[in-house]
Amino acid sequence: MQIEELKLKPGEELSFDKKLVFIVDDDKSVRRALKFLLETYGFAVETYSCAEKFFSTVPNSALGCLIMDIHMPGLNGWQALQILIKTRANRPVIIITADRNSDFKEQALKAGTAGFLQKPFNDNELVDLINLTFEGRIR
C-alpha cells in the first residue's frame, strides 16, 4: 500500500480526518492492539513490523505521528530515530518500550521525541499525547 503525502499550507493544522499514525513495532499483538485502539479514536493507522519496512514505504515528507518501539531486530528504535533526525523528517515520534531502563526516557526526550511511554501504558495517555502532537503543542 502506498502512503499518500499530506501537504499543509503555512499555519494550517491537520484536520481530524487526516490524522495519520504510523506504528513500528516487531510485536504483532502490540501493532494490532494499538491499531484497533487508535482507529476507535478516529485516527488513520498504518503498521510496520520493522523500521526498514517503514523507511522503504513511507516518504520522508509524509506527515503523521510515529509510534516506535526501541527494541526491534534490524534497525532498532534508537538507530531509526537517528535516521529521522539526520534526514530532518518533520514527524513527531513517540517512543514505546517494555524496557525498564530509567535512562531511556531522558535519552528519548533529549533526542527530540514528542514522548516516551513504558509498556504497558495507559491508553488515554497515548491518545492524549498523539492529539497534542497533531495540535502542534509538542513535537
N, C-alpha and C. Protein backbone atom coordinates (compact mmCIF):
# COMPACT_ATOMS: atom_id res chain seq x y z
N MET A 1 0.84 -1.17 0.00
CA MET A 1 0.00 0.00 0.00
C MET A 1 0.90 1.24 0.00
N GLN A 2 0.59 2.19 -0.83
CA GLN A 2 1.35 3.43 -0.91
C GLN A 2 0.72 4.47 0.02
N ILE A 3 1.54 5.15 0.81
CA ILE A 3 1.06 6.18 1.72
C ILE A 3 0.97 7.49 0.97
N GLU A 4 -0.18 8.12 1.05
CA GLU A 4 -0.38 9.40 0.39
C GLU A 4 0.24 10.50 1.24
N GLU A 5 0.98 11.40 0.60
CA GLU A 5 1.60 12.50 1.32
C GLU A 5 0.56 13.58 1.60
N LEU A 6 0.63 14.12 2.79
CA LEU A 6 -0.25 15.22 3.17
C LEU A 6 0.56 16.50 3.14
N LYS A 7 0.13 17.47 2.41
CA LYS A 7 0.84 18.75 2.33
C LYS A 7 -0.03 19.81 2.99
N LEU A 8 0.56 20.54 3.93
CA LEU A 8 -0.15 21.60 4.63
C LEU A 8 0.39 22.95 4.21
N LYS A 9 -0.49 23.93 4.18
CA LYS A 9 -0.06 25.30 3.94
C LYS A 9 0.43 25.88 5.25
N PRO A 10 1.29 26.91 5.20
CA PRO A 10 1.78 27.52 6.44
C PRO A 10 0.61 27.91 7.36
N GLY A 11 0.71 27.51 8.61
CA GLY A 11 -0.32 27.84 9.60
C GLY A 11 -1.50 26.88 9.61
N GLU A 12 -1.60 26.00 8.64
CA GLU A 12 -2.70 25.05 8.57
C GLU A 12 -2.41 23.87 9.48
N GLU A 13 -3.42 23.38 10.19
CA GLU A 13 -3.26 22.22 11.05
C GLU A 13 -3.87 21.00 10.37
N LEU A 14 -3.46 19.83 10.80
CA LEU A 14 -4.07 18.62 10.28
C LEU A 14 -5.52 18.56 10.74
N SER A 15 -6.42 18.28 9.83
CA SER A 15 -7.81 18.13 10.23
C SER A 15 -8.00 16.73 10.80
N PHE A 16 -9.09 16.52 11.54
CA PHE A 16 -9.29 15.26 12.23
C PHE A 16 -9.25 14.07 11.27
N ASP A 17 -9.80 14.24 10.07
CA ASP A 17 -9.83 13.12 9.14
C ASP A 17 -8.48 12.84 8.49
N LYS A 18 -7.49 13.67 8.73
CA LYS A 18 -6.16 13.49 8.15
C LYS A 18 -5.13 13.04 9.18
N LYS A 19 -5.53 12.72 10.39
CA LYS A 19 -4.56 12.35 11.43
C LYS A 19 -4.07 10.93 11.21
N LEU A 20 -2.86 10.85 10.67
CA LEU A 20 -2.27 9.56 10.35
C LEU A 20 -1.23 9.20 11.39
N VAL A 21 -1.34 7.98 11.90
CA VAL A 21 -0.39 7.48 12.90
C VAL A 21 0.30 6.25 12.31
N PHE A 22 1.62 6.26 12.38
CA PHE A 22 2.44 5.13 11.95
C PHE A 22 2.89 4.39 13.20
N ILE A 23 2.76 3.08 13.20
CA ILE A 23 3.21 2.26 14.33
C ILE A 23 4.29 1.32 13.81
N VAL A 24 5.48 1.38 14.45
CA VAL A 24 6.58 0.48 14.11
C VAL A 24 6.93 -0.31 15.36
N ASP A 25 6.60 -1.59 15.33
CA ASP A 25 6.86 -2.48 16.47
C ASP A 25 6.97 -3.89 15.92
N ASP A 26 7.94 -4.65 16.38
CA ASP A 26 8.11 -6.01 15.89
C ASP A 26 7.11 -6.99 16.49
N ASP A 27 6.39 -6.59 17.51
CA ASP A 27 5.40 -7.45 18.16
C ASP A 27 4.04 -7.27 17.48
N LYS A 28 3.61 -8.31 16.77
CA LYS A 28 2.35 -8.25 16.02
C LYS A 28 1.15 -7.93 16.91
N SER A 29 1.12 -8.49 18.11
CA SER A 29 -0.01 -8.25 19.01
C SER A 29 -0.06 -6.79 19.46
N VAL A 30 1.10 -6.17 19.65
CA VAL A 30 1.14 -4.75 20.02
C VAL A 30 0.64 -3.90 18.85
N ARG A 31 1.13 -4.20 17.64
CA ARG A 31 0.67 -3.45 16.46
C ARG A 31 -0.83 -3.56 16.30
N ARG A 32 -1.35 -4.77 16.42
CA ARG A 32 -2.78 -5.00 16.24
C ARG A 32 -3.60 -4.26 17.32
N ALA A 33 -3.17 -4.34 18.57
CA ALA A 33 -3.90 -3.69 19.66
C ALA A 33 -3.87 -2.17 19.52
N LEU A 34 -2.70 -1.63 19.19
CA LEU A 34 -2.62 -0.17 19.03
C LEU A 34 -3.43 0.31 17.83
N LYS A 35 -3.39 -0.44 16.75
CA LYS A 35 -4.18 -0.08 15.56
C LYS A 35 -5.66 -0.04 15.92
N PHE A 36 -6.14 -1.08 16.58
CA PHE A 36 -7.55 -1.13 16.97
C PHE A 36 -7.90 0.05 17.89
N LEU A 37 -7.08 0.28 18.90
CA LEU A 37 -7.32 1.37 19.84
C LEU A 37 -7.39 2.71 19.11
N LEU A 38 -6.38 3.00 18.32
CA LEU A 38 -6.31 4.32 17.68
C LEU A 38 -7.37 4.53 16.62
N GLU A 39 -7.74 3.46 15.92
CA GLU A 39 -8.84 3.60 14.95
C GLU A 39 -10.16 3.89 15.63
N THR A 40 -10.36 3.40 16.85
CA THR A 40 -11.60 3.72 17.57
C THR A 40 -11.66 5.20 17.94
N TYR A 41 -10.50 5.86 17.99
CA TYR A 41 -10.45 7.30 18.25
C TYR A 41 -10.43 8.11 16.97
N GLY A 42 -10.58 7.46 15.82
CA GLY A 42 -10.69 8.17 14.56
C GLY A 42 -9.38 8.41 13.83
N PHE A 43 -8.29 7.85 14.30
CA PHE A 43 -7.02 8.01 13.61
C PHE A 43 -6.93 7.04 12.43
N ALA A 44 -6.25 7.45 11.39
CA ALA A 44 -5.86 6.53 10.32
C ALA A 44 -4.55 5.90 10.78
N VAL A 45 -4.43 4.59 10.68
CA VAL A 45 -3.26 3.91 11.25
C VAL A 45 -2.63 2.99 10.21
N GLU A 46 -1.32 3.08 10.09
CA GLU A 46 -0.53 2.17 9.27
C GLU A 46 0.48 1.50 10.20
N THR A 47 0.66 0.19 10.07
CA THR A 47 1.58 -0.53 10.95
C THR A 47 2.71 -1.16 10.15
N TYR A 48 3.86 -1.26 10.81
CA TYR A 48 5.07 -1.83 10.20
C TYR A 48 5.77 -2.69 11.24
N SER A 49 6.27 -3.84 10.79
CA SER A 49 6.92 -4.78 11.70
C SER A 49 8.39 -4.43 11.96
N CYS A 50 8.94 -3.52 11.17
CA CYS A 50 10.33 -3.13 11.36
C CYS A 50 10.57 -1.75 10.78
N ALA A 51 11.63 -1.12 11.24
CA ALA A 51 11.96 0.23 10.78
C ALA A 51 12.32 0.23 9.30
N GLU A 52 12.98 -0.83 8.83
CA GLU A 52 13.36 -0.89 7.42
C GLU A 52 12.13 -0.83 6.52
N LYS A 53 11.09 -1.56 6.88
CA LYS A 53 9.84 -1.57 6.09
C LYS A 53 9.19 -0.19 6.12
N PHE A 54 9.22 0.45 7.29
CA PHE A 54 8.67 1.80 7.41
C PHE A 54 9.41 2.76 6.49
N PHE A 55 10.73 2.76 6.55
CA PHE A 55 11.53 3.69 5.74
C PHE A 55 11.39 3.42 4.24
N SER A 56 11.22 2.16 3.86
CA SER A 56 11.09 1.84 2.44
C SER A 56 9.70 2.13 1.89
N THR A 57 8.72 2.31 2.77
CA THR A 57 7.34 2.52 2.34
C THR A 57 6.87 3.96 2.48
N VAL A 58 7.26 4.61 3.57
CA VAL A 58 6.73 5.93 3.90
C VAL A 58 7.71 7.02 3.46
N PRO A 59 7.27 7.93 2.58
CA PRO A 59 8.14 9.03 2.18
C PRO A 59 8.52 9.90 3.38
N ASN A 60 9.73 10.41 3.37
CA ASN A 60 10.22 11.24 4.47
C ASN A 60 9.34 12.46 4.70
N SER A 61 8.68 12.93 3.65
CA SER A 61 7.86 14.12 3.75
C SER A 61 6.42 13.84 4.21
N ALA A 62 6.06 12.56 4.35
CA ALA A 62 4.70 12.21 4.78
C ALA A 62 4.46 12.70 6.20
N LEU A 63 3.35 13.38 6.39
CA LEU A 63 3.00 13.90 7.71
C LEU A 63 2.29 12.83 8.53
N GLY A 64 2.45 12.90 9.81
CA GLY A 64 1.80 11.97 10.71
C GLY A 64 2.63 11.83 11.96
N CYS A 65 2.13 11.08 12.89
CA CYS A 65 2.81 10.83 14.16
C CYS A 65 3.33 9.39 14.13
N LEU A 66 4.58 9.22 14.52
CA LEU A 66 5.21 7.90 14.52
C LEU A 66 5.33 7.38 15.94
N ILE A 67 4.79 6.19 16.17
CA ILE A 67 4.95 5.49 17.44
C ILE A 67 5.91 4.33 17.17
N MET A 68 7.02 4.29 17.90
CA MET A 68 8.05 3.32 17.58
C MET A 68 8.63 2.66 18.83
N ASP A 69 8.78 1.35 18.74
CA ASP A 69 9.41 0.58 19.80
C ASP A 69 10.93 0.78 19.74
N ILE A 70 11.60 0.58 20.87
CA ILE A 70 13.06 0.70 20.90
C ILE A 70 13.72 -0.59 20.45
N HIS A 71 13.31 -1.71 21.03
CA HIS A 71 13.98 -2.98 20.77
C HIS A 71 13.29 -3.72 19.63
N MET A 72 13.98 -3.72 18.47
CA MET A 72 13.48 -4.43 17.30
C MET A 72 14.67 -5.03 16.58
N PRO A 73 14.46 -6.15 15.88
CA PRO A 73 15.56 -6.70 15.08
C PRO A 73 15.88 -5.74 13.92
N GLY A 74 17.07 -5.85 13.40
CA GLY A 74 17.48 -4.94 12.33
C GLY A 74 17.74 -3.57 12.92
N LEU A 75 17.21 -2.54 12.28
CA LEU A 75 17.33 -1.19 12.84
C LEU A 75 16.50 -1.11 14.10
N ASN A 76 17.14 -0.79 15.23
CA ASN A 76 16.35 -0.62 16.44
C ASN A 76 15.79 0.80 16.49
N GLY A 77 15.00 1.10 17.48
CA GLY A 77 14.36 2.40 17.59
C GLY A 77 15.33 3.56 17.69
N TRP A 78 16.45 3.36 18.38
CA TRP A 78 17.45 4.43 18.51
C TRP A 78 18.07 4.73 17.15
N GLN A 79 18.42 3.68 16.41
CA GLN A 79 19.01 3.86 15.08
C GLN A 79 18.02 4.52 14.13
N ALA A 80 16.77 4.09 14.18
CA ALA A 80 15.74 4.69 13.33
C ALA A 80 15.53 6.16 13.68
N LEU A 81 15.58 6.47 14.97
CA LEU A 81 15.43 7.86 15.40
C LEU A 81 16.57 8.71 14.86
N GLN A 82 17.78 8.19 14.86
CA GLN A 82 18.93 8.92 14.31
C GLN A 82 18.75 9.19 12.82
N ILE A 83 18.20 8.23 12.09
CA ILE A 83 17.93 8.44 10.66
C ILE A 83 16.89 9.53 10.48
N LEU A 84 15.85 9.51 11.29
CA LEU A 84 14.81 10.54 11.19
C LEU A 84 15.39 11.93 11.46
N ILE A 85 16.26 12.03 12.45
CA ILE A 85 16.89 13.31 12.78
C ILE A 85 17.80 13.75 11.63
N LYS A 86 18.61 12.82 11.14
CA LYS A 86 19.57 13.13 10.07
C LYS A 86 18.87 13.57 8.79
N THR A 87 17.73 12.96 8.49
CA THR A 87 17.00 13.28 7.26
C THR A 87 16.00 14.41 7.47
N ARG A 88 15.97 14.95 8.68
CA ARG A 88 15.10 16.07 9.02
C ARG A 88 13.62 15.78 8.76
N ALA A 89 13.22 14.57 9.09
CA ALA A 89 11.81 14.21 8.95
C ALA A 89 10.99 15.09 9.87
N ASN A 90 9.97 15.69 9.34
CA ASN A 90 9.13 16.60 10.11
C ASN A 90 7.94 15.82 10.66
N ARG A 91 8.25 14.90 11.56
CA ARG A 91 7.23 14.00 12.07
C ARG A 91 7.48 13.76 13.56
N PRO A 92 6.49 14.03 14.42
CA PRO A 92 6.70 13.75 15.84
C PRO A 92 6.82 12.25 16.08
N VAL A 93 7.70 11.89 17.03
CA VAL A 93 7.96 10.50 17.34
C VAL A 93 7.66 10.25 18.82
N ILE A 94 6.91 9.20 19.07
CA ILE A 94 6.65 8.74 20.43
C ILE A 94 7.32 7.38 20.57
N ILE A 95 8.22 7.28 21.51
CA ILE A 95 8.94 6.02 21.76
C ILE A 95 8.16 5.20 22.79
N ILE A 96 8.01 3.91 22.50
CA ILE A 96 7.39 2.99 23.45
C ILE A 96 8.36 1.83 23.69
N THR A 97 8.36 1.32 24.91
CA THR A 97 9.23 0.19 25.22
C THR A 97 8.76 -0.52 26.48
N ALA A 98 9.07 -1.80 26.55
CA ALA A 98 8.82 -2.57 27.77
C ALA A 98 10.05 -2.54 28.67
N ASP A 99 11.16 -2.02 28.15
CA ASP A 99 12.42 -1.96 28.89
C ASP A 99 12.27 -1.00 30.07
N ARG A 100 12.77 -1.38 31.20
CA ARG A 100 12.65 -0.57 32.42
C ARG A 100 13.89 0.29 32.68
N ASN A 101 14.76 0.44 31.70
CA ASN A 101 15.94 1.28 31.85
C ASN A 101 15.51 2.72 32.09
N SER A 102 15.82 3.25 33.24
CA SER A 102 15.35 4.59 33.62
C SER A 102 16.00 5.70 32.79
N ASP A 103 17.12 5.40 32.14
CA ASP A 103 17.78 6.42 31.32
C ASP A 103 17.13 6.60 29.96
N PHE A 104 16.35 5.62 29.51
CA PHE A 104 15.77 5.69 28.18
C PHE A 104 14.85 6.90 27.99
N LYS A 105 14.03 7.20 29.00
CA LYS A 105 13.12 8.33 28.85
C LYS A 105 13.89 9.63 28.64
N GLU A 106 14.91 9.84 29.45
CA GLU A 106 15.72 11.05 29.33
C GLU A 106 16.41 11.09 27.97
N GLN A 107 16.95 9.96 27.53
CA GLN A 107 17.62 9.89 26.23
C GLN A 107 16.65 10.23 25.10
N ALA A 108 15.46 9.66 25.18
CA ALA A 108 14.47 9.88 24.12
C ALA A 108 14.04 11.34 24.06
N LEU A 109 13.79 11.93 25.20
CA LEU A 109 13.35 13.33 25.21
C LEU A 109 14.47 14.27 24.79
N LYS A 110 15.71 13.96 25.18
CA LYS A 110 16.86 14.77 24.74
C LYS A 110 17.05 14.68 23.23
N ALA A 111 16.71 13.53 22.66
CA ALA A 111 16.85 13.33 21.22
C ALA A 111 15.77 14.07 20.44
N GLY A 112 14.79 14.61 21.14
CA GLY A 112 13.75 15.40 20.47
C GLY A 112 12.46 14.67 20.20
N THR A 113 12.24 13.54 20.87
CA THR A 113 10.97 12.86 20.67
C THR A 113 9.84 13.63 21.34
N ALA A 114 8.64 13.38 20.88
CA ALA A 114 7.46 14.04 21.44
C ALA A 114 7.03 13.40 22.75
N GLY A 115 7.46 12.16 22.97
CA GLY A 115 7.07 11.48 24.20
C GLY A 115 7.71 10.12 24.33
N PHE A 116 7.56 9.56 25.52
CA PHE A 116 8.14 8.27 25.85
C PHE A 116 7.17 7.56 26.78
N LEU A 117 6.79 6.35 26.43
CA LEU A 117 5.87 5.57 27.27
C LEU A 117 6.42 4.17 27.48
N GLN A 118 6.32 3.69 28.73
CA GLN A 118 6.73 2.32 29.03
C GLN A 118 5.51 1.41 28.96
N LYS A 119 5.68 0.27 28.27
CA LYS A 119 4.61 -0.73 28.19
C LYS A 119 4.51 -1.44 29.52
N PRO A 120 3.36 -1.79 29.99
CA PRO A 120 2.07 -1.36 29.45
C PRO A 120 1.79 0.08 29.87
N PHE A 121 1.18 0.83 28.99
CA PHE A 121 0.88 2.22 29.29
C PHE A 121 -0.62 2.44 29.22
N ASN A 122 -1.05 3.55 29.77
CA ASN A 122 -2.46 3.91 29.79
C ASN A 122 -2.88 4.36 28.39
N ASP A 123 -3.97 3.77 27.87
CA ASP A 123 -4.46 4.11 26.53
C ASP A 123 -4.72 5.60 26.38
N ASN A 124 -5.35 6.19 27.40
CA ASN A 124 -5.68 7.62 27.32
C ASN A 124 -4.43 8.48 27.27
N GLU A 125 -3.38 8.06 27.97
CA GLU A 125 -2.13 8.81 27.96
C GLU A 125 -1.55 8.84 26.54
N LEU A 126 -1.61 7.71 25.85
CA LEU A 126 -1.11 7.64 24.48
C LEU A 126 -1.96 8.51 23.55
N VAL A 127 -3.26 8.37 23.63
CA VAL A 127 -4.15 9.15 22.76
C VAL A 127 -3.98 10.64 23.01
N ASP A 128 -3.88 11.04 24.27
CA ASP A 128 -3.68 12.45 24.60
C ASP A 128 -2.36 12.95 24.02
N LEU A 129 -1.32 12.16 24.13
CA LEU A 129 -0.01 12.53 23.61
C LEU A 129 -0.06 12.69 22.09
N ILE A 130 -0.71 11.77 21.42
CA ILE A 130 -0.85 11.86 19.96
C ILE A 130 -1.62 13.12 19.59
N ASN A 131 -2.73 13.37 20.27
CA ASN A 131 -3.51 14.58 19.97
C ASN A 131 -2.70 15.85 20.17
N LEU A 132 -1.88 15.88 21.20
CA LEU A 132 -1.02 17.06 21.44
C LEU A 132 -0.04 17.26 20.28
N THR A 133 0.47 16.18 19.71
CA THR A 133 1.38 16.33 18.58
C THR A 133 0.65 16.91 17.37
N PHE A 134 -0.58 16.46 17.14
CA PHE A 134 -1.34 16.98 16.00
C PHE A 134 -1.78 18.43 16.22
N GLU A 135 -1.95 18.81 17.44
CA GLU A 135 -2.29 20.20 17.75
C GLU A 135 -1.06 21.10 17.68
N GLY A 136 0.10 20.49 17.50
CA GLY A 136 1.34 21.26 17.40
C GLY A 136 1.86 21.74 18.76
N ARG A 137 1.29 21.21 19.84
CA ARG A 137 1.70 21.65 21.18
C ARG A 137 2.97 20.98 21.63
N ILE A 138 3.29 19.82 21.06
CA ILE A 138 4.58 19.18 21.29
C ILE A 138 5.06 18.61 19.97
N ARG A 139 6.36 18.53 19.78
CA ARG A 139 6.97 17.99 18.56
C ARG A 139 7.87 16.91 18.97
